[in-house]
Amino acid sequence: MELKTARLTLLIDPAKKAAFEALCAQQDLTPSQVVRQLIRDYLAHHGVSYVPSGAPAAPAAPAAGRSARRRR
């Protein structure tokens, strides 16, 4: 789960917004939950990877051409 959030503002037809909100309510979901899932699915469908904010970053790999051991 993401620990930080950013606002995404979009313009949508009022009738479509009302229908979307009603469907979300029927499914006991918030519109934000549904939009976040849609974005995750869209990124996955297009092979885009990301590290969620607040998640521990993967350890960095050693630089190419350098030994993992330090030379003296």
PDB file of N, CA and C in Angstrom:
ATOM      1  N   MET A   1       0.835  -1.175   0.000  1.00  0.00           N
ATOM      2  CA  MET A   1       0.000   0.000   0.000  1.00  0.00           C
ATOM      3  C   MET A   1       0.885   1.245   0.000  1.00  0.00           C
ATOM      4  N   GLU A   2       0.470   2.224  -0.769  1.00  0.00           N
ATOM      5  CA  GLU A   2       1.217   3.467  -0.847  1.00  0.00           C
ATOM      6  C   GLU A   2       1.060   4.251   0.449  1.00  0.00           C
ATOM      7  N   LEU A   3       2.140   4.855   0.887  1.00  0.00           N
ATOM      8  CA  LEU A   3       2.079   5.647   2.106  1.00  0.00           C
ATOM      9  C   LEU A   3       1.902   7.121   1.817  1.00  0.00           C
ATOM     10  N   LYS A   4       2.333   7.565   0.651  1.00  0.00           N
ATOM     11  CA  LYS A   4       2.173   8.964   0.256  1.00  0.00           C
ATOM     12  C   LYS A   4       1.130   9.020  -0.848  1.00  0.00           C
ATOM     13  N   THR A   5       0.490  10.156  -0.980  1.00  0.00           N
ATOM     14  CA  THR A   5      -0.498  10.306  -2.039  1.00  0.00           C
ATOM     15  C   THR A   5      -0.252  11.597  -2.806  1.00  0.00           C
ATOM     16  N   ALA A   6      -0.734  11.615  -4.035  1.00  0.00           N
ATOM     17  CA  ALA A   6      -0.702  12.804  -4.873  1.00  0.00           C
ATOM     18  C   ALA A   6      -2.091  12.948  -5.484  1.00  0.00           C
ATOM     19  N   ARG A   7      -2.508  14.156  -5.694  1.00  0.00           N
ATOM     20  CA  ARG A   7      -3.842  14.406  -6.229  1.00  0.00           C
ATOM     21  C   ARG A   7      -3.830  14.329  -7.755  1.00  0.00           C
ATOM     22  N   LEU A   8      -4.852  13.680  -8.310  1.00  0.00           N
ATOM     23  CA  LEU A   8      -5.060  13.610  -9.752  1.00  0.00           C
ATOM     24  C   LEU A   8      -6.434  14.210 -10.016  1.00  0.00           C
ATOM     25  N   THR A   9      -6.469  15.326 -10.733  1.00  0.00           N
ATOM     26  CA  THR A   9      -7.731  16.000 -11.030  1.00  0.00           C
ATOM     27  C   THR A   9      -8.087  15.744 -12.486  1.00  0.00           C
ATOM     28  N   LEU A  10      -9.342  15.376 -12.724  1.00  0.00           N
ATOM     29  CA  LEU A  10      -9.767  15.156 -14.102  1.00  0.00           C
ATOM     30  C   LEU A  10     -11.163  15.702 -14.303  1.00  0.00           C
ATOM     31  N   LEU A  11     -11.462  16.014 -15.533  1.00  0.00           N
ATOM     32  CA  LEU A  11     -12.790  16.502 -15.898  1.00  0.00           C
ATOM     33  C   LEU A  11     -13.569  15.353 -16.507  1.00  0.00           C
ATOM     34  N   ILE A  12     -14.825  15.207 -16.077  1.00  0.00           N
ATOM     35  CA  ILE A  12     -15.661  14.112 -16.548  1.00  0.00           C
ATOM     36  C   ILE A  12     -17.099  14.612 -16.668  1.00  0.00           C
ATOM     37  N   ASP A  13     -17.826  14.036 -17.576  1.00  0.00           N
ATOM     38  CA  ASP A  13     -19.235  14.368 -17.759  1.00  0.00           C
ATOM     39  C   ASP A  13     -19.982  14.116 -16.438  1.00  0.00           C
ATOM     40  N   PRO A  14     -20.794  15.077 -15.989  1.00  0.00           N
ATOM     41  CA  PRO A  14     -21.492  14.907 -14.709  1.00  0.00           C
ATOM     42  C   PRO A  14     -22.365  13.643 -14.627  1.00  0.00           C
ATOM     43  N   ALA A  15     -23.035  13.287 -15.702  1.00  0.00           N
ATOM     44  CA  ALA A  15     -23.874  12.083 -15.685  1.00  0.00           C
ATOM     45  C   ALA A  15     -23.013  10.821 -15.540  1.00  0.00           C
ATOM     46  N   LYS A  16     -21.859  10.821 -16.217  1.00  0.00           N
ATOM     47  CA  LYS A  16     -20.949   9.680 -16.110  1.00  0.00           C
ATOM     48  C   LYS A  16     -20.377   9.578 -14.702  1.00  0.00           C
ATOM     49  N   LYS A  17     -20.070  10.732 -14.104  1.00  0.00           N
ATOM     50  CA  LYS A  17     -19.547  10.758 -12.727  1.00  0.00           C
ATOM     51  C   LYS A  17     -20.586  10.198 -11.759  1.00  0.00           C
ATOM     52  N   ALA A  18     -21.832  10.609 -11.906  1.00  0.00           N
ATOM     53  CA  ALA A  18     -22.897  10.128 -11.023  1.00  0.00           C
ATOM     54  C   ALA A  18     -23.093   8.618 -11.167  1.00  0.00           C
ATOM     55  N   ALA A  19     -23.066   8.129 -12.406  1.00  0.00           N
ATOM     56  CA  ALA A  19     -23.218   6.692 -12.634  1.00  0.00           C
ATOM     57  C   ALA A  19     -22.044   5.924 -12.032  1.00  0.00           C
ATOM     58  N   PHE A  20     -20.837   6.455 -12.182  1.00  0.00           N
ATOM     59  CA  PHE A  20     -19.630   5.825 -11.624  1.00  0.00           C
ATOM     60  C   PHE A  20     -19.713   5.774 -10.102  1.00  0.00           C
ATOM     61  N   GLU A  21     -20.083   6.890  -9.484  1.00  0.00           N
ATOM     62  CA  GLU A  21     -20.193   6.933  -8.029  1.00  0.00           C
ATOM     63  C   GLU A  21     -21.274   5.979  -7.516  1.00  0.00           C
ATOM     64  N   ALA A  22     -22.382   5.876  -8.231  1.00  0.00           N
ATOM     65  CA  ALA A  22     -23.449   4.964  -7.827  1.00  0.00           C
ATOM     66  C   ALA A  22     -22.984   3.509  -7.914  1.00  0.00           C
ATOM     67  N   LEU A  23     -22.288   3.173  -8.982  1.00  0.00           N
ATOM     68  CA  LEU A  23     -21.778   1.809  -9.131  1.00  0.00           C
ATOM     69  C   LEU A  23     -20.757   1.491  -8.047  1.00  0.00           C
ATOM     70  N   CYS A  24     -19.874   2.428  -7.768  1.00  0.00           N
ATOM     71  CA  CYS A  24     -18.889   2.220  -6.694  1.00  0.00           C
ATOM     72  C   CYS A  24     -19.592   1.964  -5.370  1.00  0.00           C
ATOM     73  N   ALA A  25     -20.625   2.752  -5.074  1.00  0.00           N
ATOM     74  CA  ALA A  25     -21.359   2.589  -3.821  1.00  0.00           C
ATOM     75  C   ALA A  25     -22.027   1.217  -3.754  1.00  0.00           C
ATOM     76  N   GLN A  26     -22.586   0.759  -4.878  1.00  0.00           N
ATOM     77  CA  GLN A  26     -23.213  -0.572  -4.916  1.00  0.00           C
ATOM     78  C   GLN A  26     -22.202  -1.669  -4.611  1.00  0.00           C
ATOM     79  N   GLN A  27     -20.955  -1.443  -4.996  1.00  0.00           N
ATOM     80  CA  GLN A  27     -19.903  -2.431  -4.790  1.00  0.00           C
ATOM     81  C   GLN A  27     -19.139  -2.191  -3.489  1.00  0.00           C
ATOM     82  N   ASP A  28     -19.609  -1.251  -2.665  1.00  0.00           N
ATOM     83  CA  ASP A  28     -18.982  -0.899  -1.396  1.00  0.00           C
ATOM     84  C   ASP A  28     -17.516  -0.513  -1.572  1.00  0.00           C
ATOM     85  N   LEU A  29     -17.260   0.265  -2.615  1.00  0.00           N
ATOM     86  CA  LEU A  29     -15.921   0.780  -2.903  1.00  0.00           C
ATOM     87  C   LEU A  29     -16.007   2.286  -3.053  1.00  0.00           C
ATOM     88  N   THR A  30     -14.902   2.966  -2.764  1.00  0.00           N
ATOM     89  CA  THR A  30     -14.873   4.398  -3.028  1.00  0.00           C
ATOM     90  C   THR A  30     -14.409   4.607  -4.467  1.00  0.00           C
ATOM     91  N   PRO A  31     -14.793   5.721  -5.076  1.00  0.00           N
ATOM     92  CA  PRO A  31     -14.286   6.011  -6.413  1.00  0.00           C
ATOM     93  C   PRO A  31     -12.752   6.031  -6.453  1.00  0.00           C
ATOM     94  N   SER A  32     -12.119   6.524  -5.400  1.00  0.00           N
ATOM     95  CA  SER A  32     -10.650   6.544  -5.359  1.00  0.00           C
ATOM     96  C   SER A  32     -10.066   5.140  -5.400  1.00  0.00           C
ATOM     97  N   GLN A  33     -10.667   4.206  -4.680  1.00  0.00           N
ATOM     98  CA  GLN A  33     -10.181   2.825  -4.701  1.00  0.00           C
ATOM     99  C   GLN A  33     -10.248   2.251  -6.112  1.00  0.00           C
ATOM    100  N   VAL A  34     -11.360   2.511  -6.790  1.00  0.00           N
ATOM    101  CA  VAL A  34     -11.538   1.971  -8.141  1.00  0.00           C
ATOM    102  C   VAL A  34     -10.544   2.604  -9.103  1.00  0.00           C
ATOM    103  N   VAL A  35     -10.357   3.918  -9.030  1.00  0.00           N
ATOM    104  CA  VAL A  35      -9.424   4.594  -9.928  1.00  0.00           C
ATOM    105  C   VAL A  35      -8.000   4.114  -9.673  1.00  0.00           C
ATOM    106  N   ARG A  36      -7.602   3.953  -8.402  1.00  0.00           N
ATOM    107  CA  ARG A  36      -6.253   3.450  -8.109  1.00  0.00           C
ATOM    108  C   ARG A  36      -6.054   2.062  -8.701  1.00  0.00           C
ATOM    109  N   GLN A  37      -7.080   1.188  -8.593  1.00  0.00           N
ATOM    110  CA  GLN A  37      -6.970  -0.155  -9.168  1.00  0.00           C
ATOM    111  C   GLN A  37      -6.886  -0.085 -10.698  1.00  0.00           C
ATOM    112  N   LEU A  38      -7.676   0.781 -11.309  1.00  0.00           N
ATOM    113  CA  LEU A  38      -7.615   0.952 -12.765  1.00  0.00           C
ATOM    114  C   LEU A  38      -6.221   1.382 -13.211  1.00  0.00           C
ATOM    115  N   ILE A  39      -5.609   2.298 -12.464  1.00  0.00           N
ATOM    116  CA  ILE A  39      -4.265   2.768 -12.814  1.00  0.00           C
ATOM    117  C   ILE A  39      -3.248   1.644 -12.653  1.00  0.00           C
ATOM    118  N   ARG A  40      -3.332   0.882 -11.540  1.00  0.00           N
ATOM    119  CA  ARG A  40      -2.409  -0.250 -11.360  1.00  0.00           C
ATOM    120  C   ARG A  40      -2.551  -1.258 -12.500  1.00  0.00           C
ATOM    121  N   ASP A  41      -3.801  -1.579 -12.872  1.00  0.00           N
ATOM    122  CA  ASP A  41      -4.048  -2.526 -13.967  1.00  0.00           C
ATOM    123  C   ASP A  41      -3.511  -1.995 -15.293  1.00  0.00           C
ATOM    124  N   TYR A  42      -3.701  -0.716 -15.547  1.00  0.00           N
ATOM    125  CA  TYR A  42      -3.240  -0.095 -16.795  1.00  0.00           C
ATOM    126  C   TYR A  42      -1.714  -0.144 -16.890  1.00  0.00           C
ATOM    127  N   LEU A  43      -1.040   0.188 -15.783  1.00  0.00           N
ATOM    128  CA  LEU A  43       0.426   0.128 -15.775  1.00  0.00           C
ATOM    129  C   LEU A  43       0.908  -1.305 -15.997  1.00  0.00           C
ATOM    130  N   ALA A  44       0.294  -2.260 -15.321  1.00  0.00           N
ATOM    131  CA  ALA A  44       0.689  -3.668 -15.467  1.00  0.00           C
ATOM    132  C   ALA A  44       0.444  -4.149 -16.904  1.00  0.00           C
ATOM    133  N   HIS A  45      -0.683  -3.768 -17.472  1.00  0.00           N
ATOM    134  CA  HIS A  45      -1.018  -4.174 -18.845  1.00  0.00           C
ATOM    135  C   HIS A  45       0.037  -3.695 -19.842  1.00  0.00           C
ATOM    136  N   HIS A  46       0.609  -2.537 -19.582  1.00  0.00           N
ATOM    137  CA  HIS A  46       1.608  -1.959 -20.484  1.00  0.00           C
ATOM    138  C   HIS A  46       3.045  -2.236 -20.039  1.00  0.00           C
ATOM    139  N   GLY A  47       3.206  -3.103 -19.043  1.00  0.00           N
ATOM    140  CA  GLY A  47       4.540  -3.509 -18.618  1.00  0.00           C
ATOM    141  C   GLY A  47       5.333  -2.434 -17.903  1.00  0.00           C
ATOM    142  N   VAL A  48       4.643  -1.492 -17.289  1.00  0.00           N
ATOM    143  CA  VAL A  48       5.328  -0.412 -16.580  1.00  0.00           C
ATOM    144  C   VAL A  48       5.462  -0.806 -15.114  1.00  0.00           C
ATOM    145  N   SER A  49       6.694  -0.812 -14.616  1.00  0.00           N
ATOM    146  CA  SER A  49       6.909  -1.139 -13.214  1.00  0.00           C
ATOM    147  C   SER A  49       7.194   0.133 -12.425  1.00  0.00           C
ATOM    148  N   TYR A  50       6.937   0.077 -11.151  1.00  0.00           N
ATOM    149  CA  TYR A  50       7.165   1.217 -10.272  1.00  0.00           C
ATOM    150  C   TYR A  50       7.316   0.697  -8.853  1.00  0.00           C
ATOM    151  N   VAL A  51       7.902   1.505  -8.016  1.00  0.00           N
ATOM    152  CA  VAL A  51       8.010   1.179  -6.592  1.00  0.00           C
ATOM    153  C   VAL A  51       7.037   2.099  -5.876  1.00  0.00           C
ATOM    154  N   PRO A  52       6.020   1.539  -5.207  1.00  0.00           N
ATOM    155  CA  PRO A  52       5.063   2.392  -4.512  1.00  0.00           C
ATOM    156  C   PRO A  52       5.757   3.280  -3.478  1.00  0.00           C
ATOM    157  N   SER A  53       5.270   4.488  -3.328  1.00  0.00           N
ATOM    158  CA  SER A  53       5.854   5.389  -2.340  1.00  0.00           C
ATOM    159  C   SER A  53       5.723   4.762  -0.961  1.00  0.00           C
ATOM    160  N   GLY A  54       6.776   4.895  -0.183  1.00  0.00           N
ATOM    161  CA  GLY A  54       6.775   4.321   1.151  1.00  0.00           C
ATOM    162  C   GLY A  54       7.282   2.894   1.203  1.00  0.00           C
ATOM    163  N   ALA A  55       7.401   2.243   0.036  1.00  0.00           N
ATOM    164  CA  ALA A  55       7.920   0.875   0.002  1.00  0.00           C
ATOM    165  C   ALA A  55       9.439   0.920   0.054  1.00  0.00           C
ATOM    166  N   PRO A  56      10.051  -0.053   0.711  1.00  0.00           N
ATOM    167  CA  PRO A  56      11.519  -0.058   0.730  1.00  0.00           C
ATOM    168  C   PRO A  56      12.062  -0.250  -0.682  1.00  0.00           C
ATOM    169  N   ALA A  57      13.047   0.534  -1.031  1.00  0.00           N
ATOM    170  CA  ALA A  57      13.657   0.437  -2.359  1.00  0.00           C
ATOM    171  C   ALA A  57      14.507  -0.827  -2.434  1.00  0.00           C
ATOM    172  N   ALA A  58      14.596  -1.403  -3.608  1.00  0.00           N
ATOM    173  CA  ALA A  58      15.440  -2.579  -3.813  1.00  0.00           C
ATOM    174  C   ALA A  58      16.892  -2.164  -3.651  1.00  0.00           C
ATOM    175  N   PRO A  59      17.721  -3.046  -3.097  1.00  0.00           N
ATOM    176  CA  PRO A  59      19.139  -2.696  -2.958  1.00  0.00           C
ATOM    177  C   PRO A  59      19.762  -2.459  -4.326  1.00  0.00           C
ATOM    178  N   ALA A  60      20.644  -1.490  -4.373  1.00  0.00           N
ATOM    179  CA  ALA A  60      21.301  -1.143  -5.631  1.00  0.00           C
ATOM    180  C   ALA A  60      22.287  -2.243  -6.019  1.00  0.00           C
ATOM    181  N   ALA A  61      22.340  -2.552  -7.291  1.00  0.00           N
ATOM    182  CA  ALA A  61      23.293  -3.538  -7.806  1.00  0.00           C
ATOM    183  C   ALA A  61      24.662  -2.885  -7.914  1.00  0.00           C
ATOM    184  N   PRO A  62      25.745  -3.665  -7.755  1.00  0.00           N
ATOM    185  CA  PRO A  62      27.083  -3.083  -7.939  1.00  0.00           C
ATOM    186  C   PRO A  62      27.221  -2.504  -9.339  1.00  0.00           C
ATOM    187  N   ALA A  63      27.984  -1.444  -9.451  1.00  0.00           N
ATOM    188  CA  ALA A  63      28.192  -0.798 -10.751  1.00  0.00           C
ATOM    189  C   ALA A  63      28.876  -1.766 -11.700  1.00  0.00           C
ATOM    190  N   ALA A  64      28.546  -1.685 -12.953  1.00  0.00           N
ATOM    191  CA  ALA A  64      29.129  -2.566 -13.964  1.00  0.00           C
ATOM    192  C   ALA A  64      30.638  -2.398 -14.016  1.00  0.00           C
ATOM    193  N   GLY A  65      31.330  -3.505 -14.103  1.00  0.00           N
ATOM    194  CA  GLY A  65      32.778  -3.460 -14.246  1.00  0.00           C
ATOM    195  C   GLY A  65      33.524  -3.362 -12.927  1.00  0.00           C
ATOM    196  N   ARG A  66      32.809  -3.265 -11.840  1.00  0.00           N
ATOM    197  CA  ARG A  66      33.467  -3.181 -10.536  1.00  0.00           C
ATOM    198  C   ARG A  66      33.222  -4.459  -9.757  1.00  0.00           C
ATOM    199  N   SER A  67      34.179  -4.851  -9.023  1.00  0.00           N
ATOM    200  CA  SER A  67      34.051  -6.027  -8.182  1.00  0.00           C
ATOM    201  C   SER A  67      33.235  -5.672  -6.947  1.00  0.00           C
ATOM    202  N   ALA A  68      32.503  -6.642  -6.439  1.00  0.00           N
ATOM    203  CA  ALA A  68      31.735  -6.420  -5.224  1.00  0.00           C
ATOM    204  C   ALA A  68      32.664  -6.227  -4.031  1.00  0.00           C
ATOM    205  N   ARG A  69      33.850  -6.848  -4.080  1.00  0.00           N
ATOM    206  CA  ARG A  69      34.839  -6.666  -3.004  1.00  0.00           C
ATOM    207  C   ARG A  69      35.643  -5.409  -3.258  1.00  0.00           C
ATOM    208  N   ARG A  70      35.966  -4.749  -2.218  1.00  0.00           N
ATOM    209  CA  ARG A  70      36.741  -3.526  -2.324  1.00  0.00           C
ATOM    210  C   ARG A  70      38.233  -3.898  -2.398  1.00  0.00           C
ATOM    211  N   ARG A  71      38.938  -3.313  -3.339  1.00  0.00           N
ATOM    212  CA  ARG A  71      40.371  -3.581  -3.495  1.00  0.00           C
ATOM    213  C   ARG A  71      41.167  -2.660  -2.596  1.00  0.00           C
ATOM    214  N   ARG A  72      42.289  -3.169  -2.069  1.00  0.00           N
ATOM    215  CA  ARG A  72      43.151  -2.334  -1.220  1.00  0.00           C
ATOM    216  C   ARG A  72      44.449  -2.054  -1.915  1.00  0.00           C
TER     217      ARG A  72
END
